């Protein structure tokens, strides 16, 4: 008996961006907690703490806090693939309800490549988002985070 393949139609966010910094610095910004808290989170929800056990199967987490300090959000996951200064894949999940209800497991892929002039090209994918609403929320969050990262690297 044949079965139909399962089609996962959950939305995927894809962002490409160029940073005026060497690849080694971008890698450190993604993997070192003291650097992660400098740029992660949208401007209205900046990260206030981060952890990173950078090994396949190791866990990461970050806590974001509202600009007025009245509320916090926590995100966490597990590292799935690590190719230093080239590729980082990890699961991503919010704690508690977020945007459109109960959180789901998602997957983030960060690919870094050299670009002319000592810059670095980021090819970012956040896959398996819950809904179109979640896609829009994560697009805002990541684009704002990358703007903060750009400013911090300057």
Foldseek 3Di string as FASTA:
>chain_A
DDDDDDDQPADKDKDKDKALAALLVVLCCVAPFVNVQQQAWAPQWGWDTKDHPPDQQTKIKTKTAGPVRPDIWMKMWGWHDDDRSAKTKIWIWTPAADQPGHIDIWMKMWGWDADPPNMIMTIIMIPDGDHPRRNVVVVNTVVNSVVSVRVVVD
